[in-house]
mmCIF file of all heavy atoms, coordinates in Angstrom:
data_MODEL
# 
_entry.id   MODEL 
# 
loop_
_atom_site.group_PDB 
_atom_site.id 
_atom_site.type_symbol 
_atom_site.label_atom_id 
_atom_site.label_alt_id 
_atom_site.label_comp_id 
_atom_site.label_asym_id 
_atom_site.label_entity_id 
_atom_site.label_seq_id 
_atom_site.pdbx_PDB_ins_code 
_atom_site.Cartn_x 
_atom_site.Cartn_y 
_atom_site.Cartn_z 
_atom_site.occupancy 
_atom_site.B_iso_or_equiv 
_atom_site.pdbx_formal_charge 
_atom_site.auth_seq_id 
_atom_site.auth_comp_id 
_atom_site.auth_asym_id 
_atom_site.auth_atom_id 
_atom_site.pdbx_PDB_model_num 
ATOM 1   N N   . ASN A 1 1  ? 0.862  -1.169  0.001   1.00 0.00 ? 1  ASN A N   1 
ATOM 2   C CA  . ASN A 1 1  ? 0.002  -0.004  0.000   1.00 0.00 ? 1  ASN A CA  1 
ATOM 3   C C   . ASN A 1 1  ? 0.904  1.231   0.003   1.00 0.00 ? 1  ASN A C   1 
ATOM 4   O O   . ASN A 1 1  ? 2.110  1.098   -0.215  1.00 0.00 ? 1  ASN A O   1 
ATOM 5   C CB  . ASN A 1 1  ? -1.000 -0.024  1.173   1.00 0.00 ? 1  ASN A CB  1 
ATOM 6   C CG  . ASN A 1 1  ? -0.336 -0.072  2.521   1.00 0.00 ? 1  ASN A CG  1 
ATOM 7   O OD1 . ASN A 1 1  ? 0.774  0.394   2.713   1.00 0.00 ? 1  ASN A OD1 1 
ATOM 8   N ND2 . ASN A 1 1  ? -1.031 -0.662  3.492   1.00 0.00 ? 1  ASN A ND2 1 
ATOM 9   N N   . THR A 1 2  ? 0.371  2.403   0.251   1.00 0.00 ? 2  THR A N   1 
ATOM 10  C CA  . THR A 1 2  ? 1.186  3.607   0.148   1.00 0.00 ? 2  THR A CA  1 
ATOM 11  C C   . THR A 1 2  ? 2.199  3.739   1.283   1.00 0.00 ? 2  THR A C   1 
ATOM 12  O O   . THR A 1 2  ? 3.062  4.612   1.225   1.00 0.00 ? 2  THR A O   1 
ATOM 13  C CB  . THR A 1 2  ? 0.304  4.868   0.100   1.00 0.00 ? 2  THR A CB  1 
ATOM 14  O OG1 . THR A 1 2  ? -0.466 4.921   1.308   1.00 0.00 ? 2  THR A OG1 1 
ATOM 15  C CG2 . THR A 1 2  ? -0.593 4.871   -1.121  1.00 0.00 ? 2  THR A CG2 1 
ATOM 16  N N   . ALA A 1 3  ? 2.127  2.873   2.285   1.00 0.00 ? 3  ALA A N   1 
ATOM 17  C CA  . ALA A 1 3  ? 3.043  2.968   3.426   1.00 0.00 ? 3  ALA A CA  1 
ATOM 18  C C   . ALA A 1 3  ? 3.962  1.758   3.585   1.00 0.00 ? 3  ALA A C   1 
ATOM 19  O O   . ALA A 1 3  ? 5.056  1.897   4.130   1.00 0.00 ? 3  ALA A O   1 
ATOM 20  C CB  . ALA A 1 3  ? 2.244  3.165   4.726   1.00 0.00 ? 3  ALA A CB  1 
ATOM 21  N N   . SER A 1 4  ? 3.523  0.578   3.141   1.00 0.00 ? 4  SER A N   1 
ATOM 22  C CA  . SER A 1 4  ? 4.309  -0.619  3.449   1.00 0.00 ? 4  SER A CA  1 
ATOM 23  C C   . SER A 1 4  ? 4.193  -1.709  2.393   1.00 0.00 ? 4  SER A C   1 
ATOM 24  O O   . SER A 1 4  ? 3.285  -1.708  1.573   1.00 0.00 ? 4  SER A O   1 
ATOM 25  C CB  . SER A 1 4  ? 3.878  -1.181  4.815   1.00 0.00 ? 4  SER A CB  1 
ATOM 26  O OG  . SER A 1 4  ? 2.569  -1.688  4.732   1.00 0.00 ? 4  SER A OG  1 
ATOM 27  N N   . VAL A 1 5  ? 5.128  -2.630  2.490   1.00 0.00 ? 5  VAL A N   1 
ATOM 28  C CA  . VAL A 1 5  ? 5.130  -3.847  1.691   1.00 0.00 ? 5  VAL A CA  1 
ATOM 29  C C   . VAL A 1 5  ? 4.855  -4.993  2.644   1.00 0.00 ? 5  VAL A C   1 
ATOM 30  O O   . VAL A 1 5  ? 5.639  -5.241  3.553   1.00 0.00 ? 5  VAL A O   1 
ATOM 31  C CB  . VAL A 1 5  ? 6.472  -4.055  0.949   1.00 0.00 ? 5  VAL A CB  1 
ATOM 32  C CG1 . VAL A 1 5  ? 6.507  -5.409  0.241   1.00 0.00 ? 5  VAL A CG1 1 
ATOM 33  C CG2 . VAL A 1 5  ? 6.745  -2.915  -0.012  1.00 0.00 ? 5  VAL A CG2 1 
ATOM 34  N N   . ALA A 1 6  ? 3.744  -5.670  2.431   1.00 0.00 ? 6  ALA A N   1 
ATOM 35  C CA  . ALA A 1 6  ? 3.405  -6.800  3.304   1.00 0.00 ? 6  ALA A CA  1 
ATOM 36  C C   . ALA A 1 6  ? 4.026  -8.101  2.801   1.00 0.00 ? 6  ALA A C   1 
ATOM 37  O O   . ALA A 1 6  ? 4.432  -8.941  3.596   1.00 0.00 ? 6  ALA A O   1 
ATOM 38  C CB  . ALA A 1 6  ? 1.882  -6.958  3.386   1.00 0.00 ? 6  ALA A CB  1 
ATOM 39  N N   . GLN A 1 7  ? 4.051  -8.268  1.488   1.00 0.00 ? 7  GLN A N   1 
ATOM 40  C CA  . GLN A 1 7  ? 4.594  -9.492  0.896   1.00 0.00 ? 7  GLN A CA  1 
ATOM 41  C C   . GLN A 1 7  ? 5.304  -9.150  -0.398  1.00 0.00 ? 7  GLN A C   1 
ATOM 42  O O   . GLN A 1 7  ? 4.767  -8.400  -1.224  1.00 0.00 ? 7  GLN A O   1 
ATOM 43  C CB  . GLN A 1 7  ? 3.477  -10.501 0.594   1.00 0.00 ? 7  GLN A CB  1 
ATOM 44  C CG  . GLN A 1 7  ? 2.639  -10.915 1.780   1.00 0.00 ? 7  GLN A CG  1 
ATOM 45  C CD  . GLN A 1 7  ? 3.414  -11.711 2.801   1.00 0.00 ? 7  GLN A CD  1 
ATOM 46  O OE1 . GLN A 1 7  ? 4.338  -12.447 2.471   1.00 0.00 ? 7  GLN A OE1 1 
ATOM 47  N NE2 . GLN A 1 7  ? 3.036  -11.578 4.061   1.00 0.00 ? 7  GLN A NE2 1 
ATOM 48  N N   . LEU A 1 8  ? 6.480  -9.683  -0.595  1.00 0.00 ? 8  LEU A N   1 
ATOM 49  C CA  . LEU A 1 8  ? 7.199  -9.613  -1.860  1.00 0.00 ? 8  LEU A CA  1 
ATOM 50  C C   . LEU A 1 8  ? 7.923  -10.936 -2.014  1.00 0.00 ? 8  LEU A C   1 
ATOM 51  O O   . LEU A 1 8  ? 8.844  -11.261 -1.232  1.00 0.00 ? 8  LEU A O   1 
ATOM 52  C CB  . LEU A 1 8  ? 8.202  -8.451  -1.880  1.00 0.00 ? 8  LEU A CB  1 
ATOM 53  C CG  . LEU A 1 8  ? 9.078  -8.331  -3.127  1.00 0.00 ? 8  LEU A CG  1 
ATOM 54  C CD1 . LEU A 1 8  ? 8.229  -8.226  -4.392  1.00 0.00 ? 8  LEU A CD1 1 
ATOM 55  C CD2 . LEU A 1 8  ? 10.016 -7.151  -3.018  1.00 0.00 ? 8  LEU A CD2 1 
ATOM 56  N N   . HIS A 1 9  ? 7.469  -11.721 -2.972  1.00 0.00 ? 9  HIS A N   1 
ATOM 57  C CA  . HIS A 1 9  ? 8.052  -13.041 -3.183  1.00 0.00 ? 9  HIS A CA  1 
ATOM 58  C C   . HIS A 1 9  ? 8.234  -13.277 -4.678  1.00 0.00 ? 9  HIS A C   1 
ATOM 59  O O   . HIS A 1 9  ? 7.405  -12.854 -5.483  1.00 0.00 ? 9  HIS A O   1 
ATOM 60  C CB  . HIS A 1 9  ? 7.150  -14.149 -2.616  1.00 0.00 ? 9  HIS A CB  1 
ATOM 61  C CG  . HIS A 1 9  ? 7.018  -14.097 -1.140  1.00 0.00 ? 9  HIS A CG  1 
ATOM 62  N ND1 . HIS A 1 9  ? 7.965  -14.629 -0.302  1.00 0.00 ? 9  HIS A ND1 1 
ATOM 63  C CD2 . HIS A 1 9  ? 6.073  -13.548 -0.332  1.00 0.00 ? 9  HIS A CD2 1 
ATOM 64  C CE1 . HIS A 1 9  ? 7.597  -14.430 0.961   1.00 0.00 ? 9  HIS A CE1 1 
ATOM 65  N NE2 . HIS A 1 9  ? 6.458  -13.764 0.951   1.00 0.00 ? 9  HIS A NE2 1 
ATOM 66  N N   . VAL A 1 10 ? 9.291  -13.992 -5.019  1.00 0.00 ? 10 VAL A N   1 
ATOM 67  C CA  . VAL A 1 10 ? 9.572  -14.388 -6.389  1.00 0.00 ? 10 VAL A CA  1 
ATOM 68  C C   . VAL A 1 10 ? 9.764  -15.892 -6.392  1.00 0.00 ? 10 VAL A C   1 
ATOM 69  O O   . VAL A 1 10 ? 10.385 -16.458 -5.474  1.00 0.00 ? 10 VAL A O   1 
ATOM 70  C CB  . VAL A 1 10 ? 10.828 -13.673 -6.929  1.00 0.00 ? 10 VAL A CB  1 
ATOM 71  C CG1 . VAL A 1 10 ? 11.227 -14.216 -8.301  1.00 0.00 ? 10 VAL A CG1 1 
ATOM 72  C CG2 . VAL A 1 10 ? 10.602 -12.171 -6.997  1.00 0.00 ? 10 VAL A CG2 1 
ATOM 73  N N   . ARG A 1 11 ? 9.216  -16.535 -7.414  1.00 0.00 ? 11 ARG A N   1 
ATOM 74  C CA  . ARG A 1 11 ? 9.358  -17.983 -7.547  1.00 0.00 ? 11 ARG A CA  1 
ATOM 75  C C   . ARG A 1 11 ? 10.851 -18.330 -7.487  1.00 0.00 ? 11 ARG A C   1 
ATOM 76  O O   . ARG A 1 11 ? 11.679 -17.685 -8.123  1.00 0.00 ? 11 ARG A O   1 
ATOM 77  C CB  . ARG A 1 11 ? 8.746  -18.440 -8.873  1.00 0.00 ? 11 ARG A CB  1 
ATOM 78  C CG  . ARG A 1 11 ? 8.663  -19.931 -9.036  1.00 0.00 ? 11 ARG A CG  1 
ATOM 79  C CD  . ARG A 1 11 ? 7.833  -20.310 -10.229 1.00 0.00 ? 11 ARG A CD  1 
ATOM 80  N NE  . ARG A 1 11 ? 8.469  -19.874 -11.474 1.00 0.00 ? 11 ARG A NE  1 
ATOM 81  C CZ  . ARG A 1 11 ? 7.996  -20.138 -12.683 1.00 0.00 ? 11 ARG A CZ  1 
ATOM 82  N NH1 . ARG A 1 11 ? 6.854  -20.818 -12.825 1.00 0.00 ? 11 ARG A NH1 1 
ATOM 83  N NH2 . ARG A 1 11 ? 8.639  -19.712 -13.755 1.00 0.00 ? 11 ARG A NH2 1 
ATOM 84  N N   . VAL A 1 12 ? 11.191 -19.325 -6.702  1.00 0.00 ? 12 VAL A N   1 
ATOM 85  C CA  . VAL A 1 12 ? 12.583 -19.655 -6.401  1.00 0.00 ? 12 VAL A CA  1 
ATOM 86  C C   . VAL A 1 12 ? 13.419 -19.825 -7.676  1.00 0.00 ? 12 VAL A C   1 
ATOM 87  O O   . VAL A 1 12 ? 14.523 -19.276 -7.779  1.00 0.00 ? 12 VAL A O   1 
ATOM 88  C CB  . VAL A 1 12 ? 12.680 -20.903 -5.501  1.00 0.00 ? 12 VAL A CB  1 
ATOM 89  C CG1 . VAL A 1 12 ? 14.123 -21.334 -5.299  1.00 0.00 ? 12 VAL A CG1 1 
ATOM 90  C CG2 . VAL A 1 12 ? 11.997 -20.639 -4.150  1.00 0.00 ? 12 VAL A CG2 1 
ATOM 91  N N   . CYS A 1 13 ? 12.918 -20.519 -8.661  1.00 0.00 ? 13 CYS A N   1 
ATOM 92  C CA  . CYS A 1 13 ? 13.718 -20.747 -9.877  1.00 0.00 ? 13 CYS A CA  1 
ATOM 93  C C   . CYS A 1 13 ? 13.858 -19.481 -10.715 1.00 0.00 ? 13 CYS A C   1 
ATOM 94  O O   . CYS A 1 13 ? 14.630 -19.476 -11.690 1.00 0.00 ? 13 CYS A O   1 
ATOM 95  C CB  . CYS A 1 13 ? 13.138 -21.883 -10.706 1.00 0.00 ? 13 CYS A CB  1 
ATOM 96  S SG  . CYS A 1 13 ? 11.500 -21.561 -11.376 1.00 0.00 ? 13 CYS A SG  1 
ATOM 97  N N   . ASP A 1 14 ? 13.183 -18.390 -10.325 1.00 0.00 ? 14 ASP A N   1 
ATOM 98  C CA  . ASP A 1 14 ? 13.277 -17.125 -11.063 1.00 0.00 ? 14 ASP A CA  1 
ATOM 99  C C   . ASP A 1 14 ? 14.026 -16.047 -10.290 1.00 0.00 ? 14 ASP A C   1 
ATOM 100 O O   . ASP A 1 14 ? 14.009 -14.879 -10.693 1.00 0.00 ? 14 ASP A O   1 
ATOM 101 C CB  . ASP A 1 14 ? 11.877 -16.639 -11.436 1.00 0.00 ? 14 ASP A CB  1 
ATOM 102 C CG  . ASP A 1 14 ? 11.227 -17.524 -12.474 1.00 0.00 ? 14 ASP A CG  1 
ATOM 103 O OD1 . ASP A 1 14 ? 11.775 -17.620 -13.581 1.00 0.00 ? 14 ASP A OD1 1 
ATOM 104 O OD2 . ASP A 1 14 ? 10.189 -18.147 -12.166 1.00 0.00 ? 14 ASP A OD2 1 
ATOM 105 N N   . HIS A 1 15 ? 14.671 -16.406 -9.186  1.00 0.00 ? 15 HIS A N   1 
ATOM 106 C CA  . HIS A 1 15 ? 15.472 -15.423 -8.456  1.00 0.00 ? 15 HIS A CA  1 
ATOM 107 C C   . HIS A 1 15 ? 16.579 -14.895 -9.353  1.00 0.00 ? 15 HIS A C   1 
ATOM 108 O O   . HIS A 1 15 ? 17.103 -15.609 -10.195 1.00 0.00 ? 15 HIS A O   1 
ATOM 109 C CB  . HIS A 1 15 ? 16.097 -16.049 -7.198  1.00 0.00 ? 15 HIS A CB  1 
ATOM 110 C CG  . HIS A 1 15 ? 15.130 -16.249 -6.082  1.00 0.00 ? 15 HIS A CG  1 
ATOM 111 N ND1 . HIS A 1 15 ? 15.509 -16.756 -4.872  1.00 0.00 ? 15 HIS A ND1 1 
ATOM 112 C CD2 . HIS A 1 15 ? 13.809 -15.995 -5.981  1.00 0.00 ? 15 HIS A CD2 1 
ATOM 113 C CE1 . HIS A 1 15 ? 14.461 -16.816 -4.067  1.00 0.00 ? 15 HIS A CE1 1 
ATOM 114 N NE2 . HIS A 1 15 ? 13.410 -16.367 -4.730  1.00 0.00 ? 15 HIS A NE2 1 
ATOM 115 N N   . GLY A 1 16 ? 16.954 -13.642 -9.131  1.00 0.00 ? 16 GLY A N   1 
ATOM 116 C CA  . GLY A 1 16 ? 18.083 -13.052 -9.830  1.00 0.00 ? 16 GLY A CA  1 
ATOM 117 C C   . GLY A 1 16 ? 17.785 -12.600 -11.245 1.00 0.00 ? 16 GLY A C   1 
ATOM 118 O O   . GLY A 1 16 ? 18.711 -12.274 -11.994 1.00 0.00 ? 16 GLY A O   1 
ATOM 119 N N   . GLN A 1 17 ? 16.513 -12.532 -11.626 1.00 0.00 ? 17 GLN A N   1 
ATOM 120 C CA  . GLN A 1 17 ? 16.158 -12.142 -12.994 1.00 0.00 ? 17 GLN A CA  1 
ATOM 121 C C   . GLN A 1 17 ? 15.522 -10.754 -13.067 1.00 0.00 ? 17 GLN A C   1 
ATOM 122 O O   . GLN A 1 17 ? 15.024 -10.373 -14.124 1.00 0.00 ? 17 GLN A O   1 
ATOM 123 C CB  . GLN A 1 17 ? 15.229 -13.186 -13.601 1.00 0.00 ? 17 GLN A CB  1 
ATOM 124 C CG  . GLN A 1 17 ? 15.882 -14.534 -13.728 1.00 0.00 ? 17 GLN A CG  1 
ATOM 125 C CD  . GLN A 1 17 ? 14.989 -15.565 -14.360 1.00 0.00 ? 17 GLN A CD  1 
ATOM 126 O OE1 . GLN A 1 17 ? 14.043 -15.248 -15.077 1.00 0.00 ? 17 GLN A OE1 1 
ATOM 127 N NE2 . GLN A 1 17 ? 15.263 -16.830 -14.095 1.00 0.00 ? 17 GLN A NE2 1 
ATOM 128 N N   . GLY A 1 18 ? 15.496 -10.013 -11.959 1.00 0.00 ? 18 GLY A N   1 
ATOM 129 C CA  . GLY A 1 18 ? 14.947 -8.659  -11.979 1.00 0.00 ? 18 GLY A CA  1 
ATOM 130 C C   . GLY A 1 18 ? 13.470 -8.557  -11.645 1.00 0.00 ? 18 GLY A C   1 
ATOM 131 O O   . GLY A 1 18 ? 12.931 -7.458  -11.633 1.00 0.00 ? 18 GLY A O   1 
ATOM 132 N N   . ILE A 1 19 ? 12.822 -9.659  -11.385 1.00 0.00 ? 19 ILE A N   1 
ATOM 133 C CA  . ILE A 1 19 ? 11.391 -9.644  -11.108 1.00 0.00 ? 19 ILE A CA  1 
ATOM 134 C C   . ILE A 1 19 ? 11.096 -8.953  -9.780  1.00 0.00 ? 19 ILE A C   1 
ATOM 135 O O   . ILE A 1 19 ? 10.217 -8.101  -9.683  1.00 0.00 ? 19 ILE A O   1 
ATOM 136 C CB  . ILE A 1 19 ? 10.814 -11.072 -11.143 1.00 0.00 ? 19 ILE A CB  1 
ATOM 137 C CG1 . ILE A 1 19 ? 10.979 -11.656 -12.552 1.00 0.00 ? 19 ILE A CG1 1 
ATOM 138 C CG2 . ILE A 1 19 ? 9.349  -11.085 -10.713 1.00 0.00 ? 19 ILE A CG2 1 
ATOM 139 C CD1 . ILE A 1 19 ? 10.781 -13.152 -12.640 1.00 0.00 ? 19 ILE A CD1 1 
ATOM 140 N N   . GLY A 1 20 ? 11.852 -9.302  -8.745  1.00 0.00 ? 20 GLY A N   1 
ATOM 141 C CA  . GLY A 1 20 ? 11.666 -8.664  -7.438  1.00 0.00 ? 20 GLY A CA  1 
ATOM 142 C C   . GLY A 1 20 ? 11.955 -7.176  -7.514  1.00 0.00 ? 20 GLY A C   1 
ATOM 143 O O   . GLY A 1 20 ? 11.232 -6.359  -6.912  1.00 0.00 ? 20 GLY A O   1 
ATOM 144 N N   . THR A 1 21 ? 12.967 -6.796  -8.273  1.00 0.00 ? 21 THR A N   1 
ATOM 145 C CA  . THR A 1 21 ? 13.286 -5.380  -8.439  1.00 0.00 ? 21 THR A CA  1 
ATOM 146 C C   . THR A 1 21 ? 12.131 -4.653  -9.096  1.00 0.00 ? 21 THR A C   1 
ATOM 147 O O   . THR A 1 21 ? 11.731 -3.562  -8.662  1.00 0.00 ? 21 THR A O   1 
ATOM 148 C CB  . THR A 1 21 ? 14.572 -5.212  -9.267  1.00 0.00 ? 21 THR A CB  1 
ATOM 149 O OG1 . THR A 1 21 ? 15.658 -5.778  -8.532  1.00 0.00 ? 21 THR A OG1 1 
ATOM 150 C CG2 . THR A 1 21 ? 14.865 -3.757  -9.580  1.00 0.00 ? 21 THR A CG2 1 
ATOM 151 N N   . ARG A 1 22 ? 11.574 -5.234  -10.143 1.00 0.00 ? 22 ARG A N   1 
ATOM 152 C CA  . ARG A 1 22 ? 10.435 -4.621  -10.843 1.00 0.00 ? 22 ARG A CA  1 
ATOM 153 C C   . ARG A 1 22 ? 9.260  -4.429  -9.879  1.00 0.00 ? 22 ARG A C   1 
ATOM 154 O O   . ARG A 1 22 ? 8.639  -3.357  -9.843  1.00 0.00 ? 22 ARG A O   1 
ATOM 155 C CB  . ARG A 1 22 ? 10.028 -5.483  -12.030 1.00 0.00 ? 22 ARG A CB  1 
ATOM 156 C CG  . ARG A 1 22 ? 8.752  -5.081  -12.703 1.00 0.00 ? 22 ARG A CG  1 
ATOM 157 C CD  . ARG A 1 22 ? 8.907  -3.770  -13.443 1.00 0.00 ? 22 ARG A CD  1 
ATOM 158 N NE  . ARG A 1 22 ? 7.654  -3.445  -14.081 1.00 0.00 ? 22 ARG A NE  1 
ATOM 159 C CZ  . ARG A 1 22 ? 7.219  -2.222  -14.267 1.00 0.00 ? 22 ARG A CZ  1 
ATOM 160 N NH1 . ARG A 1 22 ? 7.945  -1.207  -13.898 1.00 0.00 ? 22 ARG A NH1 1 
ATOM 161 N NH2 . ARG A 1 22 ? 6.072  -2.018  -14.842 1.00 0.00 ? 22 ARG A NH2 1 
ATOM 162 N N   . LEU A 1 23 ? 8.960  -5.438  -9.106  1.00 0.00 ? 23 LEU A N   1 
ATOM 163 C CA  . LEU A 1 23 ? 7.830  -5.331  -8.167  1.00 0.00 ? 23 LEU A CA  1 
ATOM 164 C C   . LEU A 1 23 ? 8.115  -4.300  -7.085  1.00 0.00 ? 23 LEU A C   1 
ATOM 165 O O   . LEU A 1 23 ? 7.244  -3.485  -6.751  1.00 0.00 ? 23 LEU A O   1 
ATOM 166 C CB  . LEU A 1 23 ? 7.531  -6.706  -7.569  1.00 0.00 ? 23 LEU A CB  1 
ATOM 167 C CG  . LEU A 1 23 ? 6.996  -7.751  -8.557  1.00 0.00 ? 23 LEU A CG  1 
ATOM 168 C CD1 . LEU A 1 23 ? 6.920  -9.122  -7.889  1.00 0.00 ? 23 LEU A CD1 1 
ATOM 169 C CD2 . LEU A 1 23 ? 5.656  -7.346  -9.124  1.00 0.00 ? 23 LEU A CD2 1 
ATOM 170 N N   . LEU A 1 24 ? 9.317  -4.319  -6.530  1.00 0.00 ? 24 LEU A N   1 
ATOM 171 C CA  . LEU A 1 24 ? 9.653  -3.355  -5.480  1.00 0.00 ? 24 LEU A CA  1 
ATOM 172 C C   . LEU A 1 24 ? 9.582  -1.929  -6.017  1.00 0.00 ? 24 LEU A C   1 
ATOM 173 O O   . LEU A 1 24 ? 9.107  -1.019  -5.324  1.00 0.00 ? 24 LEU A O   1 
ATOM 174 C CB  . LEU A 1 24 ? 11.032 -3.640  -4.904  1.00 0.00 ? 24 LEU A CB  1 
ATOM 175 C CG  . LEU A 1 24 ? 11.435 -2.776  -3.712  1.00 0.00 ? 24 LEU A CG  1 
ATOM 176 C CD1 . LEU A 1 24 ? 10.454 -2.913  -2.553  1.00 0.00 ? 24 LEU A CD1 1 
ATOM 177 C CD2 . LEU A 1 24 ? 12.844 -3.110  -3.270  1.00 0.00 ? 24 LEU A CD2 1 
# 
């Protein structure tokens, strides 16, 4: 929401591909 991140997860086999960065 506008104040916090409650959950941010990326499928394990997709770590290191920029997906978490895009979401964050």
